[in-house]
Amino acid sequence: MTSSEFSYIFENPIKSADSAYTVLARVNSTGNSRLGVIVSKKNISSAVKRNRMKRIVRESFRLHKTNINSLDVVVICKKNSERIVNKKLFKQLDKHWKLINEQGQ
């Protein structure tokens, strides 16, 4: 996604948040869902841990992409989210995907 597409999502998003993630979404006109992941160096200093968080978000999105209808999604990883085990991170993302899909329809 380009910076203008990110800006579009930040203007008036569908929001969902918990201890690990803030998920922002907005309906798009492309007909398919797209993902943007933000993991700041300020929140997670280790590159290995940042990459792990991105892999988890991408994999979860891939598994739920068919259920997410025409949404542009930005997932922002919060501070200390790298300390949460993978299974719990996937469960939290499952809830976010369900919530934003319901609100986006």
Protein backbone atom coordinates (compact mmCIF):
# COMPACT_ATOMS: atom_id res chain seq x y z
CA MET A 1 0.00 0.00 0.00
CA THR A 2 1.12 3.53 -0.70
CA SER A 3 1.25 6.35 1.84
CA SER A 4 -1.94 7.89 0.44
CA GLU A 5 -3.73 4.57 0.92
CA PHE A 6 -2.49 4.42 4.52
CA SER A 7 -3.72 7.99 5.04
CA TYR A 8 -7.14 7.01 3.70
CA ILE A 9 -7.41 4.27 6.33
CA PHE A 10 -6.33 6.58 9.17
CA GLU A 11 -8.97 9.22 8.29
CA ASN A 12 -12.12 7.43 9.45
CA PRO A 13 -11.35 3.79 10.31
CA ILE A 14 -13.17 0.87 11.81
CA LYS A 15 -11.17 0.30 15.02
CA SER A 16 -10.38 -2.70 17.15
CA ALA A 17 -7.73 -2.81 19.89
CA ASP A 18 -6.38 -5.00 22.66
CA SER A 19 -3.12 -5.46 24.58
CA ALA A 20 -1.10 -6.54 21.53
CA TYR A 21 -2.65 -4.87 18.48
CA THR A 22 -4.56 -1.91 17.19
CA VAL A 23 -6.39 -2.83 14.01
CA LEU A 24 -7.74 -0.15 11.68
CA ALA A 25 -9.82 -0.96 8.62
CA ARG A 26 -11.76 0.80 5.93
CA VAL A 27 -13.88 -0.43 3.04
CA ASN A 28 -12.15 -0.20 -0.32
CA SER A 29 -13.41 -0.29 -3.90
CA THR A 30 -10.87 -2.81 -5.26
CA GLY A 31 -12.95 -5.88 -4.42
CA ASN A 32 -10.19 -7.61 -2.46
CA SER A 33 -8.68 -7.17 0.99
CA ARG A 34 -5.24 -5.65 1.56
CA LEU A 35 -2.99 -5.60 4.61
CA GLY A 36 -0.49 -3.15 6.03
CA VAL A 37 1.57 -3.98 9.13
CA ILE A 38 3.25 -1.38 11.34
CA VAL A 39 5.81 -2.58 13.88
CA SER A 40 7.86 0.33 15.14
CA LYS A 41 11.42 0.05 16.31
CA LYS A 42 10.43 2.19 19.28
CA ASN A 43 7.94 -0.43 20.49
CA ILE A 44 9.88 -3.59 19.59
CA SER A 45 13.60 -2.99 19.40
CA SER A 46 14.78 -6.39 18.15
CA ALA A 47 14.53 -6.95 14.39
CA VAL A 48 13.99 -10.67 14.97
CA LYS A 49 10.98 -9.94 17.19
CA ARG A 50 9.58 -7.34 14.77
CA ASN A 51 9.80 -9.85 11.91
CA ARG A 52 8.09 -12.50 14.05
CA MET A 53 5.19 -10.14 14.73
CA LYS A 54 4.88 -9.34 11.01
CA ARG A 55 4.91 -13.05 10.09
CA ILE A 56 2.16 -13.80 12.60
CA VAL A 57 -0.05 -10.97 11.34
CA ARG A 58 0.49 -11.89 7.68
CA GLU A 59 -0.22 -15.58 8.28
CA SER A 60 -3.37 -14.86 10.26
CA PHE A 61 -4.57 -12.45 7.55
CA ARG A 62 -3.86 -15.04 4.86
CA LEU A 63 -5.95 -17.62 6.71
CA HIS A 64 -8.88 -15.21 7.17
CA LYS A 65 -8.66 -13.29 3.90
CA THR A 66 -11.69 -15.00 2.40
CA ASN A 67 -13.82 -13.85 5.35
CA ILE A 68 -12.64 -10.23 5.19
CA ASN A 69 -14.64 -8.56 2.45
CA SER A 70 -13.08 -5.66 0.50
CA LEU A 71 -11.28 -4.03 3.40
CA ASP A 72 -7.97 -2.24 3.63
CA VAL A 73 -6.51 -3.22 7.00
CA VAL A 74 -3.63 -1.75 9.00
CA VAL A 75 -2.37 -3.68 12.02
CA ILE A 76 -0.23 -1.76 14.50
CA CYS A 77 1.73 -3.89 16.96
CA LYS A 78 1.90 -2.44 20.45
CA LYS A 79 4.76 -2.28 22.92
CA ASN A 80 5.52 -5.54 24.74
CA SER A 81 3.40 -7.58 22.30
CA GLU A 82 6.52 -9.60 21.50
CA ARG A 83 6.27 -11.17 24.97
CA ILE A 84 2.94 -12.85 24.18
CA VAL A 85 3.02 -16.45 22.91
CA ASN A 86 2.07 -17.13 19.29
CA LYS A 87 -1.11 -19.03 20.08
CA LYS A 88 -2.55 -16.11 22.04
CA LEU A 89 -1.52 -13.63 19.34
CA PHE A 90 -3.38 -15.68 16.71
CA LYS A 91 -6.48 -15.83 18.95
CA GLN A 92 -6.42 -12.07 19.42
CA LEU A 93 -6.13 -11.52 15.68
CA ASP A 94 -9.02 -13.94 15.05
CA LYS A 95 -11.23 -11.71 17.22
CA HIS A 96 -10.06 -8.59 15.38
CA TRP A 97 -10.78 -10.09 11.93
CA LYS A 98 -14.27 -11.10 13.03
CA LEU A 99 -15.01 -7.71 14.57
CA ILE A 100 -13.79 -5.57 11.65
CA ASN A 101 -15.58 -7.79 9.14
CA GLU A 102 -18.87 -7.38 11.02
CA GLN A 103 -18.44 -3.61 11.26
CA GLY A 104 -17.30 -3.29 7.65
CA GLN A 105 -20.46 -4.74 6.18
